Amino acid sequence: MGKNNIEKWSPGYELLRTFTKIWHNLFYYRRIHVLGKENIPENEQYILATSHQNALMDAMAVLLKIKKQPVFLARSDIFRKKMIARILYFIKILPIYRIRDGYAELKKNEEIFQKTMDVLENKSVLSILPEGSHAPLRKVRPLKKGVARIAFQLAEKQGFSKDIKIVPVGLEYSDYTKWQQELIIQFGKPVSLSKYYDLYRENPSKAILALVRELREEIKKQMIHIEDDEHYDLYNDLRMLFSQQITLAQHLDPHDPEQQLKAQQNFIALLEKYLRDHEEKAREIQKNLNAYTRILERHNISNRHIDRPLMSMPGFLWRALAFLLLSPVFLYGAVNNILPYILSSIPANKVRDITFHSSFKFVISLLLFPVLHLLETGIFYLFVHQPWYTLAYFISLPLSGLFAYRYFVQFSDFRARRKYEKLTRRKHPDMEKLRDLHGYFIHLADKVLSGEK
């Protein structure tokens, strides 16, 4: 597989994708929700236009959740070394040249655009991140014009005889950098290019701008989009801290990812309206939010503990016993997986751009865990000389590692909840203030959602 036949289906690529999919879908993320998959056209020419918040992970989200083998575009500077370029072509990535690469290099885009037409004419999928660069923000930044130019060039080549669809894709990460998080991938209704054909014949620039504007609006609908830069952190912190309450207040199911996403989108839109009408309230809300998060951080407790009823003594003892009984499994998983976990996390956490943290963790762990598990299995076989026991040991390694991580998260939450309940029973002043502030935010959410002035 190389640049010349990148649009063709590749068995080697599919084998690599299957292996990557197992790690991505079952181990790296705790849960992945795919919404709107019925909006993906069948047996048609289409382009996927995806929001770009989390570096490589945005491409992986789309790549591993559709049947076809999509071809991606990436900045040209990563293709400079021949060996790297061969790898990138094998995994179906084409270079795109920018002005910063030099005017002479820009001419190479003609060849790349021709190749993208081959991809679409072959009824493969072209996947583009139209914002052009990533940012760890829950918003769709202005789109580049490349996606529109490619689509219109293909339409022109075909004499405007066929429609081309562009599918807007929104991504929603529960956290950008941590392991075992949740991811929502939502495919929106395709934007049809044919309605712009007459305008394009008259004025290509106007048609391109109109398509880009519509596409940006459609991508916004598929994800959490916070338009207000000045109060961005306020919106984001409120919807993260009180997502469950916000969803319940709108009589939606907080365990349904589609309804939860819809509830948060609606809350942000209403909050924007509320703050436009009550600009002075933003400072008060931010001040209270800062006080609220300081208390949580000072005592290392979670916001979600406040809504839970206090544990009874039998309930506490039962949970403590369960953790105790499962601790040998945790230790087994931790001992066998701690080294690749650390070796994957430390280099990633040293990268300055946090949006690359997950990408580094994912790629390094994808390589390290299998290698070290095979090494551990080989050492195990040298001692037992039993193939079936060795196979069982090999299978247990990733499964026990996953269990150990989830055990650690649940045990940490249990300790934090116990700490919060002890402070509450002792009537610690911070807990009284915390509950007062919690009530303030719940009341604020009710006012915003009801449209109260």
Protein backbone atom coordinates (compact mmCIF):
# COMPACT_ATOMS: atom_id res chain seq x y z
CA MET A 1 0.00 0.00 0.00
CA GLY A 2 1.47 3.32 -1.12
CA LYS A 3 0.39 6.74 -2.31
CA ASN A 4 -0.42 5.56 -5.83
CA ASN A 5 -3.04 3.02 -4.75
CA ILE A 6 -4.06 4.49 -1.40
CA GLU A 7 -7.74 4.41 -2.39
CA LYS A 8 -7.73 0.59 -2.74
CA TRP A 9 -8.84 -1.77 0.03
CA SER A 10 -5.78 -3.20 1.85
CA PRO A 11 -5.83 -6.54 3.76
CA GLY A 12 -2.63 -5.63 5.64
CA TYR A 13 -4.12 -2.33 6.72
CA GLU A 14 -7.34 -4.08 7.78
CA LEU A 15 -5.36 -6.52 9.96
CA LEU A 16 -3.59 -3.60 11.67
CA ARG A 17 -6.89 -1.76 12.08
CA THR A 18 -8.54 -4.79 13.73
CA PHE A 19 -5.71 -5.09 16.26
CA THR A 20 -5.83 -1.33 16.96
CA LYS A 21 -9.62 -1.41 17.27
CA ILE A 22 -9.48 -4.02 20.04
CA TRP A 23 -7.11 -1.90 22.11
CA HIS A 24 -8.90 1.39 21.39
CA ASN A 25 -12.49 0.21 21.90
CA LEU A 26 -12.08 -2.33 24.70
CA PHE A 27 -9.09 -1.20 26.74
CA TYR A 28 -8.12 2.42 26.16
CA TYR A 29 -11.69 3.77 26.44
CA ARG A 30 -14.20 2.59 29.01
CA ARG A 31 -17.15 3.12 26.73
CA ILE A 32 -17.70 4.48 23.21
CA HIS A 33 -21.15 5.60 22.08
CA VAL A 34 -21.81 5.92 18.35
CA LEU A 35 -24.85 8.06 17.44
CA GLY A 36 -26.37 8.76 14.03
CA LYS A 37 -24.62 5.92 12.22
CA GLU A 38 -27.68 5.70 9.95
CA ASN A 39 -26.61 9.07 8.50
CA ILE A 40 -23.55 7.54 6.83
CA PRO A 41 -24.36 7.15 3.10
CA GLU A 42 -24.06 3.74 1.49
CA ASN A 43 -22.62 3.25 -2.00
CA GLU A 44 -22.23 7.01 -2.44
CA GLN A 45 -19.36 9.45 -2.62
CA TYR A 46 -18.95 11.15 0.72
CA ILE A 47 -16.50 13.01 2.91
CA LEU A 48 -16.35 12.87 6.69
CA ALA A 49 -15.75 16.30 8.28
CA THR A 50 -14.82 15.80 11.95
CA SER A 51 -14.27 18.21 14.83
CA HIS A 52 -10.63 18.40 15.93
CA GLN A 53 -10.01 18.61 19.68
CA ASN A 54 -7.72 15.74 20.63
CA ALA A 55 -4.92 15.27 18.04
CA LEU A 56 -4.60 11.68 16.74
CA MET A 57 -7.51 10.42 18.85
CA ASP A 58 -10.00 12.36 16.68
CA ALA A 59 -8.90 10.44 13.59
CA MET A 60 -8.86 7.14 15.50
CA ALA A 61 -12.45 7.69 16.67
CA VAL A 62 -13.71 7.83 13.06
CA LEU A 63 -11.26 5.33 11.60
CA LEU A 64 -12.29 2.53 13.96
CA LYS A 65 -16.04 3.06 13.83
CA ILE A 66 -16.85 2.86 10.11
CA LYS A 67 -16.72 -0.15 7.80
CA LYS A 68 -14.71 1.39 4.96
CA GLN A 69 -11.01 2.26 5.06
CA PRO A 70 -10.94 6.08 5.17
CA VAL A 71 -8.10 8.15 3.74
CA PHE A 72 -6.96 11.12 5.85
CA LEU A 73 -5.14 14.36 5.10
CA ALA A 74 -2.33 15.60 7.38
CA ARG A 75 0.20 18.42 7.32
CA SER A 76 3.10 17.75 4.97
CA ASP A 77 6.02 18.32 7.36
CA ILE A 78 5.53 14.92 9.01
CA PHE A 79 6.23 13.26 5.62
CA ARG A 80 9.78 14.60 5.27
CA LYS A 81 11.56 11.35 6.19
CA LYS A 82 11.06 8.60 3.61
CA MET A 83 10.54 5.82 6.13
CA ILE A 84 7.93 7.84 8.02
CA ALA A 85 6.24 8.76 4.72
CA ARG A 86 5.97 5.06 3.76
CA ILE A 87 4.33 4.27 7.10
CA LEU A 88 1.90 7.17 6.73
CA TYR A 89 0.92 6.12 3.21
CA PHE A 90 0.41 2.55 4.46
CA ILE A 91 -2.01 3.79 7.12
CA LYS A 92 -3.80 5.83 4.44
CA ILE A 93 -2.68 9.38 5.20
CA LEU A 94 -1.93 11.90 2.44
CA PRO A 95 0.08 15.13 2.89
CA ILE A 96 -1.47 18.55 2.47
CA TYR A 97 0.86 21.48 1.80
CA ARG A 98 0.43 24.92 3.37
CA ILE A 99 1.81 28.37 2.61
CA ARG A 100 4.28 28.02 5.47
CA ASP A 101 5.82 25.06 3.57
CA GLY A 102 6.73 27.43 0.71
CA TYR A 103 4.98 28.44 -2.50
CA ALA A 104 6.88 25.81 -4.50
CA GLU A 105 5.50 23.09 -2.25
CA LEU A 106 1.93 24.35 -2.69
CA LYS A 107 1.97 23.12 -6.28
CA LYS A 108 2.13 19.55 -4.96
CA ASN A 109 -1.41 19.98 -3.64
CA GLU A 110 -2.67 19.54 -7.22
CA GLU A 111 -1.41 15.96 -7.17
CA ILE A 112 -2.93 15.43 -3.69
CA PHE A 113 -6.29 16.85 -4.77
CA GLN A 114 -6.23 14.51 -7.76
CA LYS A 115 -5.56 11.62 -5.40
CA THR A 116 -8.49 12.62 -3.18
CA MET A 117 -10.70 12.51 -6.26
CA ASP A 118 -9.48 8.96 -6.94
CA VAL A 119 -10.46 8.09 -3.36
CA LEU A 120 -13.99 9.43 -3.76
CA GLU A 121 -14.50 8.04 -7.26
CA ASN A 122 -13.48 4.62 -5.93
CA LYS A 123 -16.29 5.03 -3.37
CA SER A 124 -13.75 4.99 -0.56
CA VAL A 125 -14.06 7.58 2.21
CA LEU A 126 -12.12 10.80 2.53
CA SER A 127 -11.89 11.94 6.16
CA ILE A 128 -10.92 15.54 6.85
CA LEU A 129 -10.43 17.51 10.07
CA PRO A 130 -11.57 20.81 8.55
CA GLU A 131 -10.50 23.08 11.41
CA GLY A 132 -6.94 22.43 10.24
CA SER A 133 -5.43 22.24 13.73
CA HIS A 134 -6.48 20.84 17.08
CA ALA A 135 -7.34 22.58 20.35
CA PRO A 136 -8.64 21.10 23.64
CA LEU A 137 -11.81 23.18 23.43
CA ARG A 138 -15.44 22.14 23.25
CA LYS A 139 -16.16 24.35 20.28
CA VAL A 140 -15.92 24.26 16.50
CA ARG A 141 -13.37 26.82 15.37
CA PRO A 142 -13.57 28.43 11.89
CA LEU A 143 -13.13 25.81 9.17
CA LYS A 144 -10.50 25.86 6.45
CA LYS A 145 -11.71 25.92 2.85
CA GLY A 146 -9.88 22.76 1.77
CA VAL A 147 -12.80 20.41 2.34
CA ALA A 148 -15.08 22.55 0.15
CA ARG A 149 -12.47 22.96 -2.60
CA ILE A 150 -11.88 19.21 -2.81
CA ALA A 151 -15.60 18.47 -2.98
CA PHE A 152 -16.31 21.10 -5.66
CA GLN A 153 -13.29 20.06 -7.75
CA LEU A 154 -14.57 16.50 -7.86
CA ALA A 155 -18.09 17.71 -8.74
CA GLU A 156 -16.64 19.86 -11.54
CA LYS A 157 -14.58 16.94 -12.85
CA GLN A 158 -17.77 14.86 -12.99
CA GLY A 159 -19.62 17.64 -14.83
CA PHE A 160 -21.82 18.30 -11.78
CA SER A 161 -23.73 15.11 -12.73
CA LYS A 162 -23.47 13.47 -9.28
CA ASP A 163 -24.17 14.67 -5.77
CA ILE A 164 -21.41 14.54 -3.16
CA LYS A 165 -22.27 14.32 0.52
CA ILE A 166 -20.27 15.73 3.43
CA VAL A 167 -21.09 14.11 6.77
CA PRO A 168 -20.52 16.36 9.83
CA VAL A 169 -19.04 14.45 12.77
CA GLY A 170 -18.88 15.71 16.36
CA LEU A 171 -16.74 14.19 19.11
CA GLU A 172 -17.34 14.50 22.84
CA TYR A 173 -14.67 13.26 25.29
CA SER A 174 -15.44 12.93 29.00
CA ASP A 175 -11.75 13.79 29.51
CA TYR A 176 -9.07 14.55 26.95
CA THR A 177 -6.07 13.00 28.71
CA LYS A 178 -7.06 10.18 31.09
CA TRP A 179 -7.33 6.45 30.49
CA GLN A 180 -10.68 4.64 30.51
CA GLN A 181 -12.86 7.62 29.65
CA GLU A 182 -16.09 7.81 27.64
CA LEU A 183 -16.30 9.01 24.05
CA ILE A 184 -19.39 10.03 22.07
CA ILE A 185 -19.14 10.00 18.26
CA GLN A 186 -22.13 11.56 16.53
CA PHE A 187 -22.63 11.48 12.75
CA GLY A 188 -24.98 14.22 11.55
CA LYS A 189 -27.22 14.34 8.49
CA PRO A 190 -25.12 14.76 5.33
CA VAL A 191 -24.73 18.17 3.74
CA SER A 192 -25.58 17.89 0.05
CA LEU A 193 -23.17 19.60 -2.33
CA SER A 194 -25.58 19.67 -5.30
CA LYS A 195 -27.62 22.58 -3.93
CA TYR A 196 -24.53 24.79 -4.33
CA TYR A 197 -23.75 23.81 -7.94
CA ASP A 198 -25.51 26.79 -9.56
CA LEU A 199 -23.83 29.24 -7.19
CA TYR A 200 -20.44 27.59 -7.79
CA ARG A 201 -20.79 28.02 -11.57
CA GLU A 202 -21.52 31.73 -11.03
CA ASN A 203 -19.07 32.45 -8.21
CA PRO A 204 -16.87 29.65 -6.83
CA SER A 205 -15.64 31.74 -3.88
CA LYS A 206 -19.18 32.46 -2.66
CA ALA A 207 -20.17 28.81 -2.99
CA ILE A 208 -17.13 27.66 -1.04
CA LEU A 209 -17.80 30.18 1.77
CA ALA A 210 -21.49 29.24 1.93
CA LEU A 211 -20.69 25.52 2.14
CA VAL A 212 -18.06 26.06 4.84
CA ARG A 213 -20.50 28.15 6.91
CA GLU A 214 -23.22 25.50 6.68
CA LEU A 215 -20.81 22.70 7.48
CA ARG A 216 -19.55 24.48 10.60
CA GLU A 217 -23.14 24.94 11.82
CA GLU A 218 -23.87 21.26 11.24
CA ILE A 219 -20.75 20.09 13.11
CA LYS A 220 -21.78 22.33 16.04
CA LYS A 221 -25.03 20.37 16.34
CA GLN A 222 -23.16 17.09 16.82
CA MET A 223 -21.14 18.07 19.92
CA ILE A 224 -20.81 20.41 22.88
CA HIS A 225 -20.14 23.84 21.38
CA ILE A 226 -19.37 26.85 23.61
CA GLU A 227 -19.29 30.01 21.51
CA ASP A 228 -18.59 32.52 24.31
CA ASP A 229 -14.79 32.72 24.70
CA GLU A 230 -14.97 35.16 27.63
CA HIS A 231 -17.00 32.79 29.82
CA TYR A 232 -15.83 29.50 28.26
CA ASP A 233 -14.49 27.99 31.50
CA LEU A 234 -17.64 28.95 33.37
CA TYR A 235 -19.92 27.18 30.88
CA ASN A 236 -17.68 24.12 30.68
CA ASP A 237 -17.20 23.72 34.44
CA LEU A 238 -20.91 24.10 35.17
CA ARG A 239 -22.02 21.55 32.59
CA MET A 240 -19.33 19.07 33.73
CA LEU A 241 -20.06 19.42 37.45
CA PHE A 242 -23.83 19.28 37.14
CA SER A 243 -24.40 17.23 33.98
CA GLN A 244 -26.58 14.66 35.73
CA GLN A 245 -28.77 17.28 37.43
CA ILE A 246 -29.05 19.25 34.18
CA THR A 247 -30.22 16.13 32.34
CA LEU A 248 -32.72 15.12 35.03
CA ALA A 249 -34.13 18.68 35.21
CA GLN A 250 -35.07 18.37 31.53
CA HIS A 251 -36.79 15.02 32.17
CA LEU A 252 -34.17 13.16 30.16
CA ASP A 253 -32.25 9.99 30.98
CA PRO A 254 -28.77 10.80 32.38
CA HIS A 255 -27.61 7.30 31.40
CA ASP A 256 -28.56 7.77 27.73
CA PRO A 257 -25.58 9.44 25.98
CA GLU A 258 -27.73 10.99 23.25
CA GLN A 259 -30.15 12.52 25.76
CA GLN A 260 -27.32 13.68 28.02
CA LEU A 261 -25.60 15.38 25.07
CA LYS A 262 -28.86 17.04 24.05
CA ALA A 263 -29.47 18.23 27.62
CA GLN A 264 -26.03 19.82 27.89
CA GLN A 265 -26.32 21.50 24.48
CA ASN A 266 -29.68 22.98 25.51
CA PHE A 267 -28.33 24.11 28.89
CA ILE A 268 -25.37 25.91 27.29
CA ALA A 269 -27.64 27.69 24.78
CA LEU A 270 -29.99 28.82 27.56
CA LEU A 271 -27.09 29.83 29.83
CA GLU A 272 -25.66 32.00 27.03
CA LYS A 273 -29.03 33.73 26.74
CA TYR A 274 -29.30 34.09 30.54
CA LEU A 275 -25.87 35.70 30.83
CA ARG A 276 -26.61 38.08 27.97
CA ASP A 277 -29.62 39.28 29.97
CA HIS A 278 -27.74 39.22 33.32
CA GLU A 279 -24.15 40.12 32.48
CA GLU A 280 -23.43 41.14 36.09
CA LYS A 281 -24.36 37.62 37.26
CA ALA A 282 -21.39 36.07 35.47
CA ARG A 283 -18.93 37.46 38.03
CA GLU A 284 -21.04 36.23 40.94
CA ILE A 285 -21.41 32.75 39.42
CA GLN A 286 -17.68 32.53 38.68
CA LYS A 287 -16.79 33.63 42.22
CA ASN A 288 -19.05 30.96 43.73
CA LEU A 289 -17.78 28.35 41.29
CA ASN A 290 -14.17 29.10 42.27
CA ALA A 291 -15.06 28.74 45.96
CA TYR A 292 -16.88 25.47 45.26
CA THR A 293 -14.00 23.88 43.33
CA ARG A 294 -11.43 25.05 45.92
CA ILE A 295 -13.27 23.15 48.66
CA LEU A 296 -13.48 20.03 46.51
CA GLU A 297 -9.77 20.18 45.72
CA ARG A 298 -8.75 21.02 49.29
CA HIS A 299 -10.39 17.88 50.65
CA ASN A 300 -9.83 15.75 47.53
CA ILE A 301 -13.52 14.88 47.22
CA SER A 302 -15.83 14.68 44.22
CA ASN A 303 -18.84 16.77 43.35
CA ARG A 304 -20.92 13.63 42.73
CA HIS A 305 -20.68 12.60 46.41
CA ILE A 306 -22.86 15.52 47.50
CA ASP A 307 -26.05 14.17 45.92
CA ARG A 308 -25.58 10.67 47.30
CA PRO A 309 -27.21 9.62 50.56
CA LEU A 310 -24.78 8.93 53.41
CA MET A 311 -23.69 5.31 53.62
CA SER A 312 -25.06 3.23 56.48
CA MET A 313 -22.58 1.21 58.52
CA PRO A 314 -23.71 -2.11 56.93
CA GLY A 315 -23.35 -0.49 53.49
CA PHE A 316 -19.85 0.73 54.32
CA LEU A 317 -18.79 -2.67 55.70
CA TRP A 318 -20.18 -4.51 52.68
CA ARG A 319 -18.27 -2.29 50.25
CA ALA A 320 -15.07 -2.51 52.32
CA LEU A 321 -15.35 -6.31 52.38
CA ALA A 322 -15.88 -6.46 48.61
CA PHE A 323 -12.72 -4.39 48.03
CA LEU A 324 -10.79 -6.60 50.45
CA LEU A 325 -11.89 -9.83 48.78
CA LEU A 326 -11.06 -8.50 45.31
CA SER A 327 -7.70 -7.05 46.34
CA PRO A 328 -5.69 -10.19 45.29
CA VAL A 329 -7.07 -9.86 41.74
CA PHE A 330 -6.18 -6.16 41.81
CA LEU A 331 -2.62 -6.94 42.94
CA TYR A 332 -2.22 -9.61 40.26
CA GLY A 333 -3.36 -7.20 37.55
CA ALA A 334 -1.32 -4.30 38.91
CA VAL A 335 1.94 -6.25 39.23
CA ASN A 336 1.66 -7.64 35.69
CA ASN A 337 0.70 -4.34 34.06
CA ILE A 338 2.25 -1.53 36.10
CA LEU A 339 5.46 -1.33 34.04
CA PRO A 340 3.88 -0.76 30.59
CA TYR A 341 1.32 1.57 32.19
CA ILE A 342 4.07 3.75 33.68
CA LEU A 343 6.22 3.61 30.55
CA SER A 344 3.20 4.73 28.49
CA SER A 345 2.11 7.51 30.82
CA ILE A 346 5.36 9.24 31.83
CA PRO A 347 6.59 10.24 28.33
CA ALA A 348 3.08 11.34 27.34
CA ASN A 349 2.65 13.53 30.41
CA LYS A 350 5.89 15.35 29.61
CA VAL A 351 4.52 16.61 26.29
CA ARG A 352 3.68 20.30 26.62
CA ASP A 353 0.56 20.23 24.44
CA ILE A 354 -2.02 18.32 26.53
CA THR A 355 -4.00 17.36 23.45
CA PHE A 356 -1.12 15.04 22.52
CA HIS A 357 -1.19 13.26 25.90
CA SER A 358 -3.85 10.73 24.89
CA SER A 359 -2.27 10.22 21.47
CA PHE A 360 1.11 9.40 23.01
CA LYS A 361 -0.42 7.17 25.68
CA PHE A 362 -2.47 5.31 23.12
CA VAL A 363 0.32 4.70 20.60
CA ILE A 364 2.97 3.80 23.21
CA SER A 365 0.60 1.51 25.12
CA LEU A 366 -0.56 -0.13 21.87
CA LEU A 367 3.05 -1.16 21.25
CA LEU A 368 4.31 -1.75 24.79
CA PHE A 369 1.54 -3.77 26.40
CA PRO A 370 1.54 -6.61 23.81
CA VAL A 371 5.36 -6.78 23.73
CA LEU A 372 5.72 -6.92 27.51
CA HIS A 373 2.80 -9.33 27.85
CA LEU A 374 4.47 -11.67 25.35
CA LEU A 375 7.75 -11.37 27.26
CA GLU A 376 6.02 -12.15 30.57
CA THR A 377 4.24 -15.09 28.96
CA GLY A 378 7.53 -16.46 27.62
CA ILE A 379 9.08 -16.30 31.10
CA PHE A 380 5.97 -17.98 32.55
CA TYR A 381 6.23 -20.83 30.03
CA LEU A 382 9.89 -21.42 30.93
CA PHE A 383 8.76 -22.22 34.48
CA VAL A 384 5.55 -24.22 33.88
CA HIS A 385 6.06 -25.84 30.43
CA GLN A 386 2.26 -26.11 30.08
CA PRO A 387 0.80 -24.62 26.85
CA TRP A 388 -2.80 -24.34 28.13
CA TYR A 389 -1.77 -22.74 31.42
CA THR A 390 0.48 -20.40 29.46
CA LEU A 391 -2.37 -19.42 27.13
CA ALA A 392 -4.66 -18.79 30.11
CA TYR A 393 -1.95 -16.65 31.71
CA PHE A 394 -1.50 -14.62 28.50
CA ILE A 395 -5.25 -13.96 28.20
CA SER A 396 -5.43 -12.97 31.88
CA LEU A 397 -2.79 -10.24 31.55
CA PRO A 398 -4.76 -7.51 29.70
CA LEU A 399 -8.04 -8.48 31.39
CA SER A 400 -6.56 -8.30 34.88
CA GLY A 401 -4.85 -5.01 34.00
CA LEU A 402 -8.19 -3.53 32.99
CA PHE A 403 -9.75 -4.84 36.20
CA ALA A 404 -6.89 -3.39 38.29
CA TYR A 405 -7.34 0.07 36.77
CA ARG A 406 -11.10 0.09 37.36
CA TYR A 407 -10.63 -1.28 40.87
CA PHE A 408 -8.21 1.55 41.65
CA VAL A 409 -10.64 4.17 40.32
CA GLN A 410 -13.56 2.72 42.28
CA PHE A 411 -11.51 2.34 45.47
CA SER A 412 -10.27 5.94 45.20
CA ASP A 413 -13.88 7.08 44.80
CA PHE A 414 -14.92 4.97 47.81
CA ARG A 415 -12.22 6.56 49.98
CA ALA A 416 -13.16 10.07 48.82
CA ARG A 417 -16.83 9.41 49.52
CA ARG A 418 -15.98 8.06 52.98
CA LYS A 419 -13.90 11.15 53.65
CA TYR A 420 -16.75 13.46 52.59
CA GLU A 421 -19.21 11.60 54.83
CA LYS A 422 -16.88 11.79 57.85
CA LEU A 423 -16.48 15.55 57.37
CA THR A 424 -20.24 15.91 56.96
CA ARG A 425 -21.07 13.97 60.14
CA ARG A 426 -18.55 16.09 62.05
CA LYS A 427 -20.26 19.20 60.63
CA HIS A 428 -17.07 20.58 59.13
CA PRO A 429 -17.64 24.24 58.08
CA ASP A 430 -16.39 23.53 54.57
CA MET A 431 -19.06 20.87 54.06
CA GLU A 432 -21.80 23.24 55.15
CA LYS A 433 -20.52 25.83 52.69
CA LEU A 434 -20.16 23.19 49.99
CA ARG A 435 -23.79 22.11 50.30
CA ASP A 436 -24.95 25.74 50.30
CA LEU A 437 -23.02 26.40 47.10
CA HIS A 438 -24.29 23.16 45.60
CA GLY A 439 -27.85 24.31 46.28
CA TYR A 440 -27.03 27.68 44.71
CA PHE A 441 -25.92 26.02 41.46
CA ILE A 442 -28.90 23.67 41.34
CA HIS A 443 -31.20 26.67 41.78
CA LEU A 444 -29.26 28.53 39.06
CA ALA A 445 -29.66 25.57 36.68
CA ASP A 446 -33.41 25.50 37.34
CA LYS A 447 -33.68 29.25 36.63
CA VAL A 448 -31.69 28.94 33.42
CA LEU A 449 -33.66 25.94 32.15
CA SER A 450 -37.02 27.46 33.01
CA GLY A 451 -36.16 30.71 31.22
CA GLU A 452 -36.75 32.69 34.43
CA LYS A 453 -35.67 36.32 34.29
